[in-house]
C-alpha atoms as a PDB file:
ATOM      1  CA  MET A   1       0.428 -11.937 -23.259  1.00  0.00           C
ATOM      2  CA  LYS A   2      -1.264 -10.244 -20.320  1.00  0.00           C
ATOM      3  CA  SER A   3      -0.616  -6.576 -19.576  1.00  0.00           C
ATOM      4  CA  LYS A   4       0.930  -5.761 -16.201  1.00  0.00           C
ATOM      5  CA  GLU A   5      -2.459  -4.559 -14.990  1.00  0.00           C
ATOM      6  CA  GLU A   6      -4.191  -7.789 -16.001  1.00  0.00           C
ATOM      7  CA  PHE A   7      -1.427  -9.943 -14.539  1.00  0.00           C
ATOM      8  CA  VAL A   8      -1.364  -8.094 -11.213  1.00  0.00           C
ATOM      9  CA  HIS A   9      -5.146  -8.358 -11.007  1.00  0.00           C
ATOM     10  CA  SER A  10      -4.981 -12.130 -11.540  1.00  0.00           C
ATOM     11  CA  VAL A  11      -2.239 -12.459  -8.917  1.00  0.00           C
ATOM     12  CA  PHE A  12      -4.199 -10.718  -6.184  1.00  0.00           C
ATOM     13  CA  GLU A  13      -7.484 -12.381  -7.057  1.00  0.00           C
ATOM     14  CA  SER A  14      -5.765 -15.757  -6.636  1.00  0.00           C
ATOM     15  CA  ILE A  15      -3.850 -15.070  -3.403  1.00  0.00           C
ATOM     16  CA  ALA A  16      -6.641 -13.217  -1.560  1.00  0.00           C
ATOM     17  CA  PRO A  17      -7.580 -16.112   0.791  1.00  0.00           C
ATOM     18  CA  LYS A  18      -4.056 -16.342   2.257  1.00  0.00           C
ATOM     19  CA  TYR A  19      -2.976 -12.711   1.694  1.00  0.00           C
ATOM     20  CA  ASP A  20      -2.792 -11.809   5.402  1.00  0.00           C
ATOM     21  CA  LEU A  21      -0.841 -14.954   6.265  1.00  0.00           C
ATOM     22  CA  MET A  22       1.652 -14.370   3.476  1.00  0.00           C
ATOM     23  CA  ASN A  23       2.106 -10.739   4.533  1.00  0.00           C
ATOM     24  CA  ASN A  24       3.420 -12.068   7.843  1.00  0.00           C
ATOM     25  CA  VAL A  25       5.791 -14.403   6.002  1.00  0.00           C
ATOM     26  CA  LEU A  26       6.891 -11.732   3.521  1.00  0.00           C
ATOM     27  CA  SER A  27       7.747  -9.113   6.149  1.00  0.00           C
ATOM     28  CA  PHE A  28       8.833 -11.327   9.091  1.00  0.00           C
ATOM     29  CA  ARG A  29       5.631 -10.013  10.775  1.00  0.00           C
ATOM     30  CA  GLN A  30       7.051  -6.488  10.565  1.00  0.00           C
ATOM     31  CA  HIS A  31       4.197  -5.093   8.438  1.00  0.00           C
ATOM     32  CA  LYS A  32       2.050  -4.553  11.551  1.00  0.00           C
ATOM     33  CA  TYR A  33       4.829  -2.542  13.201  1.00  0.00           C
ATOM     34  CA  TRP A  34       5.311  -0.555   9.977  1.00  0.00           C
ATOM     35  CA  ARG A  35       1.604   0.319   9.890  1.00  0.00           C
ATOM     36  CA  ARG A  36       1.578   1.353  13.560  1.00  0.00           C
ATOM     37  CA  PHE A  37       4.618   3.572  12.966  1.00  0.00           C
ATOM     38  CA  THR A  38       2.933   5.092   9.922  1.00  0.00           C
ATOM     39  CA  MET A  39      -0.297   5.797  11.779  1.00  0.00           C
ATOM     40  CA  LYS A  40       1.635   7.536  14.553  1.00  0.00           C
ATOM     41  CA  LYS A  41       3.473   9.628  11.965  1.00  0.00           C
ATOM     42  CA  MET A  42       0.221  10.566  10.204  1.00  0.00           C
ATOM     43  CA  ASN A  43      -1.456  11.714  13.435  1.00  0.00           C
ATOM     44  CA  VAL A  44      -4.997  11.288  12.095  1.00  0.00           C
ATOM     45  CA  GLN A  45      -7.480  13.486  13.970  1.00  0.00           C
ATOM     46  CA  GLU A  46     -11.109  12.742  14.771  1.00  0.00           C
ATOM     47  CA  GLY A  47     -13.364  13.448  11.810  1.00  0.00           C
ATOM     48  CA  GLN A  48     -10.642  13.469   9.157  1.00  0.00           C
ATOM     49  CA  THR A  49     -11.245  11.660   5.879  1.00  0.00           C
ATOM     50  CA  ALA A  50      -9.024   9.334   3.866  1.00  0.00           C
ATOM     51  CA  ILE A  51      -8.883   7.184   0.766  1.00  0.00           C
ATOM     52  CA  ASP A  52      -6.770   4.028   1.035  1.00  0.00           C
ATOM     53  CA  LEU A  53      -5.661   2.827  -2.406  1.00  0.00           C
ATOM     54  CA  CYS A  54      -4.835  -0.810  -3.160  1.00  0.00           C
ATOM     55  CA  CYS A  55      -6.440  -1.464   0.212  1.00  0.00           C
ATOM     56  CA  GLY A  56      -6.350  -5.264  -0.118  1.00  0.00           C
ATOM     57  CA  THR A  57      -8.013  -6.884   2.871  1.00  0.00           C
ATOM     58  CA  CYS A  58      -8.441  -3.498   4.567  1.00  0.00           C
ATOM     59  CA  ASP A  59      -6.092  -3.574   7.584  1.00  0.00           C
ATOM     60  CA  TRP A  60      -4.893  -0.021   6.969  1.00  0.00           C
ATOM     61  CA  THR A  61      -8.384   1.158   5.963  1.00  0.00           C
ATOM     62  CA  ILE A  62      -9.681  -0.071   9.317  1.00  0.00           C
ATOM     63  CA  SER A  63      -6.839   1.606  11.243  1.00  0.00           C
ATOM     64  CA  LEU A  64      -7.652   4.909   9.535  1.00  0.00           C
ATOM     65  CA  ALA A  65     -11.328   4.578  10.440  1.00  0.00           C
ATOM     66  CA  GLN A  66     -10.568   3.733  14.061  1.00  0.00           C
ATOM     67  CA  LYS A  67      -8.325   6.779  14.413  1.00  0.00           C
ATOM     68  CA  SER A  68     -10.718   9.131  12.623  1.00  0.00           C
ATOM     69  CA  LYS A  69     -13.671   7.716  14.600  1.00  0.00           C
ATOM     70  CA  THR A  70     -16.281   9.673  12.640  1.00  0.00           C
ATOM     71  CA  GLY A  71     -14.690  10.667   9.300  1.00  0.00           C
ATOM     72  CA  PRO A  72     -15.709   8.793   6.148  1.00  0.00           C
ATOM     73  CA  ILE A  73     -12.980   6.417   4.899  1.00  0.00           C
ATOM     74  CA  VAL A  74     -12.791   4.856   1.426  1.00  0.00           C
ATOM     75  CA  GLY A  75     -10.970   1.613   0.731  1.00  0.00           C
ATOM     76  CA  LEU A  76     -10.314   1.154  -3.000  1.00  0.00           C
ATOM     77  CA  ASP A  77      -8.908  -1.912  -4.734  1.00  0.00           C
ATOM     78  CA  PHE A  78      -9.211  -3.423  -8.212  1.00  0.00           C
ATOM     79  CA  SER A  79      -9.560  -6.945  -6.801  1.00  0.00           C
ATOM     80  CA  GLN A  80     -13.119  -7.690  -5.708  1.00  0.00           C
ATOM     81  CA  HIS A  81     -11.895 -10.894  -4.080  1.00  0.00           C
ATOM     82  CA  MET A  82      -9.597  -8.848  -1.814  1.00  0.00           C
ATOM     83  CA  LEU A  83     -12.429  -6.433  -1.001  1.00  0.00           C
ATOM     84  CA  ASP A  84     -14.724  -9.340  -0.102  1.00  0.00           C
ATOM     85  CA  TYR A  85     -12.241 -10.494   2.546  1.00  0.00           C
ATOM     86  CA  GLY A  86     -11.816  -6.907   3.733  1.00  0.00           C
ATOM     87  CA  ALA A  87     -15.579  -6.473   4.015  1.00  0.00           C
ATOM     88  CA  ILE A  88     -15.732  -9.380   6.480  1.00  0.00           C
ATOM     89  CA  LYS A  89     -13.301  -7.541   8.788  1.00  0.00           C
ATOM     90  CA  VAL A  90     -15.134  -4.233   8.375  1.00  0.00           C
ATOM     91  CA  ASN A  91     -18.472  -5.836   9.244  1.00  0.00           C
ATOM     92  CA  GLU A  92     -17.053  -7.732  12.218  1.00  0.00           C
ATOM     93  CA  LEU A  93     -15.865  -4.404  13.652  1.00  0.00           C
ATOM     94  CA  ASN A  94     -19.179  -2.713  12.808  1.00  0.00           C
ATOM     95  CA  LEU A  95     -17.437  -0.082  10.705  1.00  0.00           C
ATOM     96  CA  GLN A  96     -19.551  -0.462   7.566  1.00  0.00           C
ATOM     97  CA  LYS A  97     -21.241   2.929   8.098  1.00  0.00           C
ATOM     98  CA  GLN A  98     -17.883   4.697   8.236  1.00  0.00           C
ATOM     99  CA  ILE A  99     -15.952   2.681   5.617  1.00  0.00           C
ATOM    100  CA  THR A 100     -16.970   2.480   1.966  1.00  0.00           C
ATOM    101  CA  LEU A 101     -15.265  -0.222  -0.104  1.00  0.00           C
ATOM    102  CA  VAL A 102     -14.962   0.492  -3.817  1.00  0.00           C
ATOM    103  CA  GLN A 103     -13.698  -1.644  -6.682  1.00  0.00           C
ATOM    104  CA  GLY A 104     -11.735   0.833  -8.762  1.00  0.00           C
ATOM    105  CA  ASN A 105      -8.510   1.810 -10.478  1.00  0.00           C
ATOM    106  CA  ALA A 106      -5.835   3.744  -8.577  1.00  0.00           C
ATOM    107  CA  MET A 107      -4.773   5.309 -11.896  1.00  0.00           C
ATOM    108  CA  SER A 108      -8.150   7.044 -12.281  1.00  0.00           C
ATOM    109  CA  LEU A 109      -9.928   7.712  -9.003  1.00  0.00           C
ATOM    110  CA  PRO A 110     -13.707   8.243  -9.128  1.00  0.00           C
ATOM    111  CA  TYR A 111     -13.610  11.270  -6.804  1.00  0.00           C
ATOM    112  CA  GLU A 112     -13.607  15.040  -7.117  1.00  0.00           C
ATOM    113  CA  ASP A 113     -10.520  17.178  -6.552  1.00  0.00           C
ATOM    114  CA  ASN A 114      -9.772  18.152  -2.935  1.00  0.00           C
ATOM    115  CA  SER A 115     -12.009  15.475  -1.366  1.00  0.00           C
ATOM    116  CA  PHE A 116      -9.860  13.888   1.376  1.00  0.00           C
ATOM    117  CA  ASP A 117      -7.457  14.819   4.169  1.00  0.00           C
ATOM    118  CA  PHE A 118      -5.247  11.805   3.407  1.00  0.00           C
ATOM    119  CA  ALA A 119      -4.553   9.517   0.478  1.00  0.00           C
ATOM    120  CA  THR A 120      -2.669   6.359   1.421  1.00  0.00           C
ATOM    121  CA  ILE A 121      -1.270   3.378  -0.434  1.00  0.00           C
ATOM    122  CA  GLY A 122       0.229   0.382   1.334  1.00  0.00           C
ATOM    123  CA  PHE A 123       2.313  -2.219  -0.526  1.00  0.00           C
ATOM    124  CA  GLY A 124       0.597  -1.344  -3.787  1.00  0.00           C
ATOM    125  CA  LEU A 125       2.585   1.348  -5.553  1.00  0.00           C
ATOM    126  CA  ARG A 126       5.101  -1.092  -7.032  1.00  0.00           C
ATOM    127  CA  ASN A 127       2.244  -3.048  -8.602  1.00  0.00           C
ATOM    128  CA  VAL A 128       0.642  -0.254 -10.630  1.00  0.00           C
ATOM    129  CA  PRO A 129       1.388   0.333 -14.345  1.00  0.00           C
ATOM    130  CA  ASP A 130       2.381   3.992 -13.800  1.00  0.00           C
ATOM    131  CA  LEU A 131       3.337   5.013 -10.266  1.00  0.00           C
ATOM    132  CA  GLN A 132       3.648   8.702 -11.182  1.00  0.00           C
ATOM    133  CA  GLN A 133       0.063   8.719 -12.454  1.00  0.00           C
ATOM    134  CA  VAL A 134      -1.107   7.176  -9.173  1.00  0.00           C
ATOM    135  CA  ILE A 135       0.777   9.822  -7.167  1.00  0.00           C
ATOM    136  CA  ARG A 136      -0.811  12.538  -9.332  1.00  0.00           C
ATOM    137  CA  GLU A 137      -4.257  11.071  -8.663  1.00  0.00           C
ATOM    138  CA  MET A 138      -3.582  10.844  -4.929  1.00  0.00           C
ATOM    139  CA  GLN A 139      -2.472  14.473  -4.952  1.00  0.00           C
ATOM    140  CA  ARG A 140      -5.528  15.546  -6.962  1.00  0.00           C
ATOM    141  CA  VAL A 141      -8.109  14.074  -4.575  1.00  0.00           C
ATOM    142  CA  VAL A 142      -6.398  15.337  -1.413  1.00  0.00           C
ATOM    143  CA  LYS A 143      -7.262  18.761  -0.017  1.00  0.00           C
ATOM    144  CA  PRO A 144      -4.590  21.511  -0.037  1.00  0.00           C
ATOM    145  CA  GLY A 145      -2.385  20.824   2.992  1.00  0.00           C
ATOM    146  CA  GLY A 146      -3.452  17.164   2.987  1.00  0.00           C
ATOM    147  CA  LYS A 147      -0.997  14.282   3.008  1.00  0.00           C
ATOM    148  CA  ILE A 148      -0.059  11.607   0.485  1.00  0.00           C
ATOM    149  CA  VAL A 149       1.322   8.589   2.335  1.00  0.00           C
ATOM    150  CA  CYS A 150       3.033   5.546   0.818  1.00  0.00           C
ATOM    151  CA  LEU A 151       4.198   2.507   2.792  1.00  0.00           C
ATOM    152  CA  GLU A 152       6.035   0.108   0.520  1.00  0.00           C
ATOM    153  CA  LEU A 153       8.661  -2.581   0.351  1.00  0.00           C
ATOM    154  CA  SER A 154      12.031  -1.080  -0.494  1.00  0.00           C
ATOM    155  CA  LYS A 155      15.660  -2.011  -1.085  1.00  0.00           C
ATOM    156  CA  PRO A 156      18.074  -2.628   1.814  1.00  0.00           C
ATOM    157  CA  THR A 157      21.282  -0.653   1.414  1.00  0.00           C
ATOM    158  CA  TRP A 158      23.768  -2.197   3.845  1.00  0.00           C
ATOM    159  CA  GLU A 159      25.629  -5.493   3.684  1.00  0.00           C
ATOM    160  CA  PRO A 160      25.478  -8.309   4.648  1.00  0.00           C
ATOM    161  CA  PHE A 161      21.790  -7.779   5.375  1.00  0.00           C
ATOM    162  CA  LYS A 162      21.110  -6.733   1.772  1.00  0.00           C
ATOM    163  CA  SER A 163      22.435 -10.013   0.324  1.00  0.00           C
ATOM    164  CA  LEU A 164      20.622 -12.126   2.924  1.00  0.00           C
ATOM    165  CA  TYR A 165      17.336 -10.338   2.286  1.00  0.00           C
ATOM    166  CA  TYR A 166      17.543 -10.673  -1.485  1.00  0.00           C
ATOM    167  CA  PHE A 167      18.322 -14.375  -1.139  1.00  0.00           C
ATOM    168  CA  TYR A 168      15.235 -14.789   1.067  1.00  0.00           C
ATOM    169  CA  PHE A 169      13.045 -12.625  -1.163  1.00  0.00           C
ATOM    170  CA  GLN A 170      14.089 -14.138  -4.477  1.00  0.00           C
ATOM    171  CA  LYS A 171      14.725 -17.788  -3.565  1.00  0.00           C
ATOM    172  CA  VAL A 172      12.931 -18.700  -0.337  1.00  0.00           C
ATOM    173  CA  LEU A 173       9.748 -16.629  -0.573  1.00  0.00           C
ATOM    174  CA  PRO A 174       8.425 -18.198  -3.828  1.00  0.00           C
ATOM    175  CA  LEU A 175       8.927 -21.656  -2.305  1.00  0.00           C
ATOM    176  CA  LEU A 176       6.998 -20.600   0.806  1.00  0.00           C
ATOM    177  CA  GLY A 177       4.255 -19.282  -1.470  1.00  0.00           C
ATOM    178  CA  LYS A 178       4.097 -22.654  -3.179  1.00  0.00           C
ATOM    179  CA  LEU A 179       4.100 -24.511   0.158  1.00  0.00           C
ATOM    180  CA  ILE A 180       1.606 -22.348   2.059  1.00  0.00           C
ATOM    181  CA  VAL A 181      -0.821 -21.098  -0.577  1.00  0.00           C
ATOM    182  CA  LYS A 182      -0.010 -23.340  -3.552  1.00  0.00           C
ATOM    183  CA  ARG A 183       1.086 -20.284  -5.566  1.00  0.00           C
ATOM    184  CA  TYR A 184       4.660 -20.274  -6.895  1.00  0.00           C
ATOM    185  CA  GLU A 185       4.549 -17.999  -9.938  1.00  0.00           C
ATOM    186  CA  GLN A 186       2.628 -15.298  -8.052  1.00  0.00           C
ATOM    187  CA  TYR A 187       5.220 -15.090  -5.278  1.00  0.00           C
ATOM    188  CA  LYS A 188       8.063 -15.396  -7.746  1.00  0.00           C
ATOM    189  CA  TRP A 189       6.676 -12.269  -9.382  1.00  0.00           C
ATOM    190  CA  LEU A 190       6.679 -10.194  -6.171  1.00  0.00           C
ATOM    191  CA  PRO A 191      10.491  -9.928  -5.860  1.00  0.00           C
ATOM    192  CA  GLU A 192      10.697  -9.258  -9.588  1.00  0.00           C
ATOM    193  CA  SER A 193       8.327  -6.307  -9.123  1.00  0.00           C
ATOM    194  CA  LEU A 194      10.678  -4.814  -6.542  1.00  0.00           C
ATOM    195  CA  ILE A 195      13.735  -4.925  -8.826  1.00  0.00           C
ATOM    196  CA  GLN A 196      12.205  -2.300 -11.128  1.00  0.00           C
ATOM    197  CA  PHE A 197      10.901  -0.168  -8.266  1.00  0.00           C
ATOM    198  CA  PRO A 198      12.771   3.010  -7.200  1.00  0.00           C
ATOM    199  CA  ASP A 199      14.673   2.978  -3.900  1.00  0.00           C
ATOM    200  CA  HIS A 200      13.515   5.247  -1.068  1.00  0.00           C
ATOM    201  CA  LYS A 201      15.610   8.229  -2.193  1.00  0.00           C
ATOM    202  CA  GLN A 202      14.457   7.941  -5.808  1.00  0.00           C
ATOM    203  CA  LEU A 203      10.815   7.685  -4.757  1.00  0.00           C
ATOM    204  CA  ALA A 204      11.197  10.762  -2.548  1.00  0.00           C
ATOM    205  CA  GLU A 205      12.491  12.662  -5.574  1.00  0.00           C
ATOM    206  CA  ILE A 206       9.472  11.499  -7.616  1.00  0.00           C
ATOM    207  CA  PHE A 207       7.218  12.899  -4.856  1.00  0.00           C
ATOM    208  CA  ARG A 208       9.020  16.248  -5.163  1.00  0.00           C
ATOM    209  CA  VAL A 209       8.887  16.282  -8.959  1.00  0.00           C
ATOM    210  CA  GLN A 210       5.118  15.763  -8.728  1.00  0.00           C
ATOM    211  CA  GLY A 211       4.903  18.967  -6.679  1.00  0.00           C
ATOM    212  CA  LEU A 212       4.567  17.553  -3.180  1.00  0.00           C
ATOM    213  CA  THR A 213       6.165  19.512  -0.348  1.00  0.00           C
ATOM    214  CA  GLU A 214       7.704  18.591   3.025  1.00  0.00           C
ATOM    215  CA  VAL A 215       8.611  15.194   1.580  1.00  0.00           C
ATOM    216  CA  GLU A 216       9.934  12.628   4.058  1.00  0.00           C
ATOM    217  CA  ALA A 217      11.442   9.237   3.233  1.00  0.00           C
ATOM    218  CA  ILE A 218      11.983   6.939   6.215  1.00  0.00           C
ATOM    219  CA  PRO A 219      13.623   3.504   5.736  1.00  0.00           C
ATOM    220  CA  LEU A 220      12.213   0.806   8.038  1.00  0.00           C
ATOM    221  CA  THR A 221      13.748  -2.452   9.324  1.00  0.00           C
ATOM    222  CA  GLY A 222      17.087  -2.072   7.608  1.00  0.00           C
ATOM    223  CA  GLY A 223      15.514  -0.625   4.487  1.00  0.00           C
ATOM    224  CA  ILE A 224      13.305  -3.586   3.529  1.00  0.00           C
ATOM    225  CA  ALA A 225      10.408  -1.137   3.658  1.00  0.00           C
ATOM    226  CA  ALA A 226      10.100   2.639   3.501  1.00  0.00           C
ATOM    227  CA  LEU A 227       7.528   5.239   4.487  1.00  0.00           C
ATOM    228  CA  HIS A 228       7.085   8.266   2.218  1.00  0.00           C
ATOM    229  CA  VAL A 229       4.979  11.284   3.160  1.00  0.00           C
ATOM    230  CA  GLY A 230       4.317  14.368   1.062  1.00  0.00           C
ATOM    231  CA  VAL A 231       2.052  17.380   1.585  1.00  0.00           C
ATOM    232  CA  LYS A 232      -0.148  18.915  -1.126  1.00  0.00           C
ATOM    233  CA  ALA A 233       0.735  22.587  -1.566  1.00  0.00           C
ATOM    234  CA  LYS A 234      -1.850  25.017  -0.163  1.00  0.00           C
END
């Protein structure tokens, strides 16, 4: 039987070609709004640096680079197939001198302490074997006063929206995955991964337990996603 890490790797290697399309389906096209909101909240300044974990096909990595303009940005993912699709976007925008794409493990980042102004993870924290270890690594590589930022699917809290969303997520989404990208089991697994994942209040508490300060937890679109921001103590 595959470990979670091996299974998740196989999932994302297989869905890479249609990952962007399925993100639109998964989030009702809201993921672009969520990223814009997050970027506004982060207020990245020219020259600042960032590492974007589980960067996938690099949409957020590219946004960080465009805001920073001159600061080095790292996009890290364990799926080379995802990075290959991301590299096409990076090259089309002529950002290859600013963005470095790295195949690596979010649980053990190949960077020195206090290296970046931001560490971000978008729609990846629920997929890692140990989310607290990933948060510790994000905190380690960020400079004192730097920000750890997580944008992730979450759990709606109010009815009837909650019941409607779970029906869509658990019943309809896997069928759409089968129809659009010929992948049923992979998209059946995605809602299962969310069941075990902490809600936005629980994740905020995990941020605090890990020593992060000024922690914010902001539900988005009725709670189907949430933005978490924490600051590394100076």
